[in-house]
PDB file of N, CA and C in Angstrom:
ATOM      1  N   MET A   1      -7.630  -6.760 -32.868  1.00  0.00           N
ATOM      2  CA  MET A   1      -6.484  -6.329 -32.109  1.00  0.00           C
ATOM      3  C   MET A   1      -6.700  -6.554 -30.625  1.00  0.00           C
ATOM      4  N   ALA A   2      -7.902  -6.606 -30.204  1.00  0.00           N
ATOM      5  CA  ALA A   2      -8.212  -6.655 -28.776  1.00  0.00           C
ATOM      6  C   ALA A   2      -8.207  -8.059 -28.214  1.00  0.00           C
ATOM      7  N   GLU A   3      -7.347  -8.912 -28.685  1.00  0.00           N
ATOM      8  CA  GLU A   3      -7.362 -10.295 -28.227  1.00  0.00           C
ATOM      9  C   GLU A   3      -6.305 -10.618 -27.186  1.00  0.00           C
ATOM     10  N   ASP A   4      -5.430  -9.691 -26.854  1.00  0.00           N
ATOM     11  CA  ASP A   4      -4.343 -10.003 -25.935  1.00  0.00           C
ATOM     12  C   ASP A   4      -4.715  -9.880 -24.466  1.00  0.00           C
ATOM     13  N   GLY A   5      -5.850  -9.283 -24.143  1.00  0.00           N
ATOM     14  CA  GLY A   5      -6.257  -9.149 -22.760  1.00  0.00           C
ATOM     15  C   GLY A   5      -5.558  -8.029 -22.021  1.00  0.00           C
ATOM     16  N   GLY A   6      -4.684  -7.302 -22.696  1.00  0.00           N
ATOM     17  CA  GLY A   6      -3.949  -6.228 -22.052  1.00  0.00           C
ATOM     18  C   GLY A   6      -4.413  -4.863 -22.492  1.00  0.00           C
ATOM     19  N   ALA A   7      -3.455  -4.020 -22.787  1.00  0.00           N
ATOM     20  CA  ALA A   7      -3.750  -2.630 -23.136  1.00  0.00           C
ATOM     21  C   ALA A   7      -4.659  -2.532 -24.357  1.00  0.00           C
ATOM     22  N   ALA A   8      -4.440  -3.377 -25.354  1.00  0.00           N
ATOM     23  CA  ALA A   8      -5.271  -3.311 -26.568  1.00  0.00           C
ATOM     24  C   ALA A   8      -6.733  -3.606 -26.254  1.00  0.00           C
ATOM     25  N   THR A   9      -6.969  -4.548 -25.357  1.00  0.00           N
ATOM     26  CA  THR A   9      -8.339  -4.880 -24.966  1.00  0.00           C
ATOM     27  C   THR A   9      -8.995  -3.692 -24.263  1.00  0.00           C
ATOM     28  N   HIS A  10      -8.284  -3.095 -23.335  1.00  0.00           N
ATOM     29  CA  HIS A  10      -8.825  -1.951 -22.607  1.00  0.00           C
ATOM     30  C   HIS A  10      -9.075  -0.764 -23.541  1.00  0.00           C
ATOM     31  N   LEU A  11      -8.156  -0.530 -24.442  1.00  0.00           N
ATOM     32  CA  LEU A  11      -8.318   0.574 -25.386  1.00  0.00           C
ATOM     33  C   LEU A  11      -9.517   0.334 -26.298  1.00  0.00           C
ATOM     34  N   SER A  12      -9.673  -0.894 -26.770  1.00  0.00           N
ATOM     35  CA  SER A  12     -10.810  -1.204 -27.630  1.00  0.00           C
ATOM     36  C   SER A  12     -12.138  -1.016 -26.898  1.00  0.00           C
ATOM     37  N   LYS A  13     -12.191  -1.445 -25.635  1.00  0.00           N
ATOM     38  CA  LYS A  13     -13.410  -1.257 -24.844  1.00  0.00           C
ATOM     39  C   LYS A  13     -13.718   0.230 -24.678  1.00  0.00           C
ATOM     40  N   TRP A  14     -12.699   1.022 -24.371  1.00  0.00           N
ATOM     41  CA  TRP A  14     -12.886   2.453 -24.203  1.00  0.00           C
ATOM     42  C   TRP A  14     -13.376   3.081 -25.506  1.00  0.00           C
ATOM     43  N   ARG A  15     -12.758   2.694 -26.629  1.00  0.00           N
ATOM     44  CA  ARG A  15     -13.164   3.235 -27.927  1.00  0.00           C
ATOM     45  C   ARG A  15     -14.612   2.875 -28.218  1.00  0.00           C
ATOM     46  N   SER A  16     -14.995   1.652 -27.936  1.00  0.00           N
ATOM     47  CA  SER A  16     -16.363   1.208 -28.180  1.00  0.00           C
ATOM     48  C   SER A  16     -17.356   2.016 -27.340  1.00  0.00           C
ATOM     49  N   LEU A  17     -17.028   2.217 -26.075  1.00  0.00           N
ATOM     50  CA  LEU A  17     -17.897   2.993 -25.186  1.00  0.00           C
ATOM     51  C   LEU A  17     -18.038   4.446 -25.633  1.00  0.00           C
ATOM     52  N   ASN A  18     -17.057   4.915 -26.390  1.00  0.00           N
ATOM     53  CA  ASN A  18     -17.065   6.304 -26.832  1.00  0.00           C
ATOM     54  C   ASN A  18     -17.396   6.449 -28.318  1.00  0.00           C
ATOM     55  N   GLY A  19     -17.997   5.405 -28.882  1.00  0.00           N
ATOM     56  CA  GLY A  19     -18.465   5.470 -30.256  1.00  0.00           C
ATOM     57  C   GLY A  19     -17.384   5.491 -31.316  1.00  0.00           C
ATOM     58  N   LEU A  20     -16.213   5.002 -30.981  1.00  0.00           N
ATOM     59  CA  LEU A  20     -15.104   4.990 -31.937  1.00  0.00           C
ATOM     60  C   LEU A  20     -14.890   3.581 -32.483  1.00  0.00           C
ATOM     61  N   PRO A  21     -14.404   3.461 -33.703  1.00  0.00           N
ATOM     62  CA  PRO A  21     -14.169   2.129 -34.259  1.00  0.00           C
ATOM     63  C   PRO A  21     -12.998   1.424 -33.581  1.00  0.00           C
ATOM     64  N   GLU A  22     -13.031   0.112 -33.641  1.00  0.00           N
ATOM     65  CA  GLU A  22     -11.952  -0.696 -33.070  1.00  0.00           C
ATOM     66  C   GLU A  22     -10.682  -0.504 -33.884  1.00  0.00           C
ATOM     67  N   LEU A  23      -9.567  -0.550 -33.198  1.00  0.00           N
ATOM     68  CA  LEU A  23      -8.278  -0.516 -33.887  1.00  0.00           C
ATOM     69  C   LEU A  23      -7.980  -1.905 -34.446  1.00  0.00           C
ATOM     70  N   PHE A  24      -7.134  -1.959 -35.447  1.00  0.00           N
ATOM     71  CA  PHE A  24      -6.734  -3.244 -35.991  1.00  0.00           C
ATOM     72  C   PHE A  24      -5.233  -3.259 -36.201  1.00  0.00           C
ATOM     73  N   GLN A  25      -4.687  -4.452 -36.222  1.00  0.00           N
ATOM     74  CA  GLN A  25      -3.250  -4.595 -36.428  1.00  0.00           C
ATOM     75  C   GLN A  25      -2.953  -4.565 -37.920  1.00  0.00           C
ATOM     76  N   ASP A  26      -2.040  -3.714 -38.307  1.00  0.00           N
ATOM     77  CA  ASP A  26      -1.574  -3.614 -39.686  1.00  0.00           C
ATOM     78  C   ASP A  26      -0.329  -4.497 -39.801  1.00  0.00           C
ATOM     79  N   ARG A  27      -0.471  -5.622 -40.476  1.00  0.00           N
ATOM     80  CA  ARG A  27       0.643  -6.582 -40.560  1.00  0.00           C
ATOM     81  C   ARG A  27       1.865  -5.997 -41.269  1.00  0.00           C
ATOM     82  N   VAL A  28       1.647  -5.144 -42.257  1.00  0.00           N
ATOM     83  CA  VAL A  28       2.777  -4.517 -42.952  1.00  0.00           C
ATOM     84  C   VAL A  28       3.506  -3.563 -42.003  1.00  0.00           C
ATOM     85  N   LEU A  29       2.746  -2.802 -41.224  1.00  0.00           N
ATOM     86  CA  LEU A  29       3.369  -1.892 -40.268  1.00  0.00           C
ATOM     87  C   LEU A  29       4.134  -2.678 -39.208  1.00  0.00           C
ATOM     88  N   THR A  30       3.564  -3.794 -38.753  1.00  0.00           N
ATOM     89  CA  THR A  30       4.246  -4.633 -37.766  1.00  0.00           C
ATOM     90  C   THR A  30       5.567  -5.154 -38.331  1.00  0.00           C
ATOM     91  N   LYS A  31       5.538  -5.638 -39.569  1.00  0.00           N
ATOM     92  CA  LYS A  31       6.759  -6.140 -40.218  1.00  0.00           C
ATOM     93  C   LYS A  31       7.783  -5.019 -40.377  1.00  0.00           C
ATOM     94  N   THR A  32       7.314  -3.841 -40.799  1.00  0.00           N
ATOM     95  CA  THR A  32       8.203  -2.690 -40.961  1.00  0.00           C
ATOM     96  C   THR A  32       8.857  -2.337 -39.629  1.00  0.00           C
ATOM     97  N   ALA A  33       8.078  -2.329 -38.558  1.00  0.00           N
ATOM     98  CA  ALA A  33       8.595  -1.993 -37.232  1.00  0.00           C
ATOM     99  C   ALA A  33       9.595  -3.029 -36.735  1.00  0.00           C
ATOM    100  N   GLU A  34       9.283  -4.305 -36.935  1.00  0.00           N
ATOM    101  CA  GLU A  34      10.196  -5.363 -36.483  1.00  0.00           C
ATOM    102  C   GLU A  34      11.538  -5.275 -37.202  1.00  0.00           C
ATOM    103  N   GLU A  35      11.501  -5.051 -38.500  1.00  0.00           N
ATOM    104  CA  GLU A  35      12.744  -4.941 -39.268  1.00  0.00           C
ATOM    105  C   GLU A  35      13.547  -3.712 -38.834  1.00  0.00           C
ATOM    106  N   PHE A  36      12.856  -2.602 -38.592  1.00  0.00           N
ATOM    107  CA  PHE A  36      13.549  -1.390 -38.182  1.00  0.00           C
ATOM    108  C   PHE A  36      14.126  -1.540 -36.777  1.00  0.00           C
ATOM    109  N   ALA A  37      13.414  -2.224 -35.894  1.00  0.00           N
ATOM    110  CA  ALA A  37      13.931  -2.465 -34.537  1.00  0.00           C
ATOM    111  C   ALA A  37      15.234  -3.260 -34.593  1.00  0.00           C
ATOM    112  N   LYS A  38      15.298  -4.241 -35.479  1.00  0.00           N
ATOM    113  CA  LYS A  38      16.537  -5.020 -35.643  1.00  0.00           C
ATOM    114  C   LYS A  38      17.662  -4.130 -36.155  1.00  0.00           C
ATOM    115  N   GLU A  39      17.330  -3.246 -37.110  1.00  0.00           N
ATOM    116  CA  GLU A  39      18.344  -2.326 -37.637  1.00  0.00           C
ATOM    117  C   GLU A  39      18.867  -1.417 -36.540  1.00  0.00           C
ATOM    118  N   LEU A  40      17.951  -0.828 -35.765  1.00  0.00           N
ATOM    119  CA  LEU A  40      18.368   0.074 -34.683  1.00  0.00           C
ATOM    120  C   LEU A  40      19.232  -0.652 -33.667  1.00  0.00           C
ATOM    121  N   SER A  41      18.842  -1.872 -33.338  1.00  0.00           N
ATOM    122  CA  SER A  41      19.604  -2.662 -32.372  1.00  0.00           C
ATOM    123  C   SER A  41      21.020  -2.927 -32.877  1.00  0.00           C
ATOM    124  N   SER A  42      21.125  -3.296 -34.141  1.00  0.00           N
ATOM    125  CA  SER A  42      22.454  -3.598 -34.694  1.00  0.00           C
ATOM    126  C   SER A  42      23.315  -2.340 -34.807  1.00  0.00           C
ATOM    127  N   ARG A  43      22.671  -1.185 -35.003  1.00  0.00           N
ATOM    128  CA  ARG A  43      23.400   0.083 -35.096  1.00  0.00           C
ATOM    129  C   ARG A  43      23.683   0.688 -33.731  1.00  0.00           C
ATOM    130  N   GLY A  44      22.903   0.283 -32.727  1.00  0.00           N
ATOM    131  CA  GLY A  44      23.078   0.820 -31.381  1.00  0.00           C
ATOM    132  C   GLY A  44      22.660   2.279 -31.256  1.00  0.00           C
ATOM    133  N   VAL A  45      21.612   2.645 -32.012  1.00  0.00           N
ATOM    134  CA  VAL A  45      21.118   4.028 -31.980  1.00  0.00           C
ATOM    135  C   VAL A  45      19.602   4.046 -31.856  1.00  0.00           C
ATOM    136  N   LEU A  46      19.068   5.207 -31.496  1.00  0.00           N
ATOM    137  CA  LEU A  46      17.633   5.446 -31.513  1.00  0.00           C
ATOM    138  C   LEU A  46      17.388   6.630 -32.439  1.00  0.00           C
ATOM    139  N   THR A  47      16.694   6.389 -33.534  1.00  0.00           N
ATOM    140  CA  THR A  47      16.411   7.422 -34.514  1.00  0.00           C
ATOM    141  C   THR A  47      15.177   7.021 -35.308  1.00  0.00           C
ATOM    142  N   HIS A  48      14.520   7.979 -35.910  1.00  0.00           N
ATOM    143  CA  HIS A  48      13.363   7.684 -36.755  1.00  0.00           C
ATOM    144  C   HIS A  48      13.761   7.500 -38.213  1.00  0.00           C
ATOM    145  N   GLN A  49      15.029   7.687 -38.519  1.00  0.00           N
ATOM    146  CA  GLN A  49      15.496   7.591 -39.897  1.00  0.00           C
ATOM    147  C   GLN A  49      16.379   6.356 -40.064  1.00  0.00           C
ATOM    148  N   SER A  50      16.101   5.583 -41.108  1.00  0.00           N
ATOM    149  CA  SER A  50      16.885   4.375 -41.359  1.00  0.00           C
ATOM    150  C   SER A  50      18.291   4.737 -41.827  1.00  0.00           C
ATOM    151  N   LEU A  51      19.160   3.754 -41.826  1.00  0.00           N
ATOM    152  CA  LEU A  51      20.530   3.954 -42.283  1.00  0.00           C
ATOM    153  C   LEU A  51      20.544   4.461 -43.723  1.00  0.00           C
ATOM    154  N   SER A  52      19.567   4.020 -44.513  1.00  0.00           N
ATOM    155  CA  SER A  52      19.495   4.468 -45.916  1.00  0.00           C
ATOM    156  C   SER A  52      18.783   5.810 -46.055  1.00  0.00           C
ATOM    157  N   GLY A  53      18.376   6.412 -44.926  1.00  0.00           N
ATOM    158  CA  GLY A  53      17.775   7.735 -44.955  1.00  0.00           C
ATOM    159  C   GLY A  53      16.264   7.764 -45.074  1.00  0.00           C
ATOM    160  N   LEU A  54      15.615   6.597 -44.964  1.00  0.00           N
ATOM    161  CA  LEU A  54      14.164   6.544 -45.125  1.00  0.00           C
ATOM    162  C   LEU A  54      13.434   6.848 -43.819  1.00  0.00           C
ATOM    163  N   SER A  55      12.327   7.556 -43.930  1.00  0.00           N
ATOM    164  CA  SER A  55      11.446   7.827 -42.791  1.00  0.00           C
ATOM    165  C   SER A  55      10.512   6.638 -42.596  1.00  0.00           C
ATOM    166  N   LEU A  56       9.718   6.687 -41.537  1.00  0.00           N
ATOM    167  CA  LEU A  56       8.752   5.614 -41.281  1.00  0.00           C
ATOM    168  C   LEU A  56       7.811   5.425 -42.467  1.00  0.00           C
ATOM    169  N   ILE A  57       7.208   6.496 -42.952  1.00  0.00           N
ATOM    170  CA  ILE A  57       6.237   6.351 -44.033  1.00  0.00           C
ATOM    171  C   ILE A  57       6.907   5.802 -45.291  1.00  0.00           C
ATOM    172  N   GLU A  58       8.137   6.186 -45.532  1.00  0.00           N
ATOM    173  CA  GLU A  58       8.862   5.662 -46.702  1.00  0.00           C
ATOM    174  C   GLU A  58       9.172   4.172 -46.540  1.00  0.00           C
ATOM    175  N   ARG A  59       9.593   3.767 -45.333  1.00  0.00           N
ATOM    176  CA  ARG A  59       9.856   2.337 -45.093  1.00  0.00           C
ATOM    177  C   ARG A  59       8.571   1.534 -45.216  1.00  0.00           C
ATOM    178  N   TYR A  60       7.474   2.068 -44.693  1.00  0.00           N
ATOM    179  CA  TYR A  60       6.168   1.414 -44.726  1.00  0.00           C
ATOM    180  C   TYR A  60       5.673   1.261 -46.169  1.00  0.00           C
ATOM    181  N   ARG A  61       5.743   2.313 -46.944  1.00  0.00           N
ATOM    182  CA  ARG A  61       5.307   2.256 -48.350  1.00  0.00           C
ATOM    183  C   ARG A  61       6.174   1.277 -49.147  1.00  0.00           C
ATOM    184  N   GLU A  62       7.470   1.264 -48.847  1.00  0.00           N
ATOM    185  CA  GLU A  62       8.389   0.348 -49.533  1.00  0.00           C
ATOM    186  C   GLU A  62       7.995  -1.115 -49.314  1.00  0.00           C
ATOM    187  N   GLN A  63       7.403  -1.401 -48.146  1.00  0.00           N
ATOM    188  CA  GLN A  63       6.956  -2.758 -47.810  1.00  0.00           C
ATOM    189  C   GLN A  63       5.563  -3.056 -48.373  1.00  0.00           C
ATOM    190  N   GLY A  64       4.925  -2.043 -48.982  1.00  0.00           N
ATOM    191  CA  GLY A  64       3.591  -2.246 -49.547  1.00  0.00           C
ATOM    192  C   GLY A  64       2.468  -1.710 -48.693  1.00  0.00           C
ATOM    193  N   GLY A  65       2.778  -0.971 -47.629  1.00  0.00           N
ATOM    194  CA  GLY A  65       1.763  -0.420 -46.750  1.00  0.00           C
ATOM    195  C   GLY A  65       0.922   0.641 -47.433  1.00  0.00           C
ATOM    196  N   THR A  66      -0.358   0.642 -47.096  1.00  0.00           N
ATOM    197  CA  THR A  66      -1.284   1.599 -47.704  1.00  0.00           C
ATOM    198  C   THR A  66      -2.020   2.450 -46.680  1.00  0.00           C
ATOM    199  N   GLY A  67      -1.770   2.247 -45.404  1.00  0.00           N
ATOM    200  CA  GLY A  67      -2.441   3.030 -44.368  1.00  0.00           C
ATOM    201  C   GLY A  67      -2.145   4.512 -44.506  1.00  0.00           C
ATOM    202  N   LYS A  68      -3.069   5.325 -44.029  1.00  0.00           N
ATOM    203  CA  LYS A  68      -2.902   6.774 -44.164  1.00  0.00           C
ATOM    204  C   LYS A  68      -2.359   7.427 -42.905  1.00  0.00           C
ATOM    205  N   ILE A  69      -2.683   6.873 -41.747  1.00  0.00           N
ATOM    206  CA  ILE A  69      -2.221   7.455 -40.485  1.00  0.00           C
ATOM    207  C   ILE A  69      -1.433   6.384 -39.734  1.00  0.00           C
ATOM    208  N   ILE A  70      -0.139   6.584 -39.635  1.00  0.00           N
ATOM    209  CA  ILE A  70       0.722   5.645 -38.916  1.00  0.00           C
ATOM    210  C   ILE A  70       1.684   6.448 -38.052  1.00  0.00           C
ATOM    211  N   GLY A  71       2.299   5.797 -37.106  1.00  0.00           N
ATOM    212  CA  GLY A  71       3.271   6.464 -36.255  1.00  0.00           C
ATOM    213  C   GLY A  71       4.181   5.440 -35.611  1.00  0.00           C
ATOM    214  N   GLU A  72       5.250   5.917 -35.049  1.00  0.00           N
ATOM    215  CA  GLU A  72       6.165   5.019 -34.354  1.00  0.00           C
ATOM    216  C   GLU A  72       6.656   5.672 -33.079  1.00  0.00           C
ATOM    217  N   ILE A  73       6.864   4.833 -32.091  1.00  0.00           N
ATOM    218  CA  ILE A  73       7.434   5.263 -30.821  1.00  0.00           C
ATOM    219  C   ILE A  73       8.712   4.466 -30.646  1.00  0.00           C
ATOM    220  N   ILE A  74       9.786   5.150 -30.417  1.00  0.00           N
ATOM    221  CA  ILE A  74      11.082   4.492 -30.284  1.00  0.00           C
ATOM    222  C   ILE A  74      11.595   4.724 -28.866  1.00  0.00           C
ATOM    223  N   GLY A  75      12.025   3.665 -28.228  1.00  0.00           N
ATOM    224  CA  GLY A  75      12.559   3.785 -26.879  1.00  0.00           C
ATOM    225  C   GLY A  75      13.445   2.605 -26.573  1.00  0.00           C
ATOM    226  N   SER A  76      14.096   2.651 -25.464  1.00  0.00           N
ATOM    227  CA  SER A  76      14.923   1.527 -25.050  1.00  0.00           C
ATOM    228  C   SER A  76      14.789   1.347 -23.551  1.00  0.00           C
ATOM    229  N   GLY A  77      15.069   0.181 -23.121  1.00  0.00           N
ATOM    230  CA  GLY A  77      14.995  -0.123 -21.705  1.00  0.00           C
ATOM    231  C   GLY A  77      14.869  -1.608 -21.492  1.00  0.00           C
ATOM    232  N   VAL A  78      14.970  -2.011 -20.271  1.00  0.00           N
ATOM    233  CA  VAL A  78      14.891  -3.421 -19.930  1.00  0.00           C
ATOM    234  C   VAL A  78      13.449  -3.915 -20.005  1.00  0.00           C
ATOM    235  N   GLU A  79      12.512  -3.091 -19.552  1.00  0.00           N
ATOM    236  CA  GLU A  79      11.113  -3.504 -19.518  1.00  0.00           C
ATOM    237  C   GLU A  79      10.300  -2.673 -20.504  1.00  0.00           C
ATOM    238  N   ILE A  80       9.686  -3.351 -21.470  1.00  0.00           N
ATOM    239  CA  ILE A  80       8.935  -2.666 -22.517  1.00  0.00           C
ATOM    240  C   ILE A  80       7.754  -1.880 -21.950  1.00  0.00           C
ATOM    241  N   ASN A  81       7.166  -2.331 -20.844  1.00  0.00           N
ATOM    242  CA  ASN A  81       6.022  -1.611 -20.296  1.00  0.00           C
ATOM    243  C   ASN A  81       6.406  -0.267 -19.686  1.00  0.00           C
ATOM    244  N   LEU A  82       7.675   0.009 -19.550  1.00  0.00           N
ATOM    245  CA  LEU A  82       8.118   1.300 -19.046  1.00  0.00           C
ATOM    246  C   LEU A  82       8.335   2.320 -20.153  1.00  0.00           C
ATOM    247  N   ILE A  83       8.279   1.879 -21.385  1.00  0.00           N
ATOM    248  CA  ILE A  83       8.529   2.766 -22.526  1.00  0.00           C
ATOM    249  C   ILE A  83       7.244   3.446 -22.925  1.00  0.00           C
TER     250      ILE A  83
END
């Protein structure tokens, strides 16, 4: 995950210095998030619940995700670094 040279790199370095394991990108979670972002955009709303009533963990499991600890941050704005 720490290959972008930005926040992920800094976070990974900090975690390493503090004896914590490196974070990794969950491709299923990324796909779930991208699809949900498109849904929210088309609906013009900000919510953690899909139009069909599914929560994040339900959407993630539906896509085949197996992670135990996941989360989502939802925001809007012109510049993503401000969210």
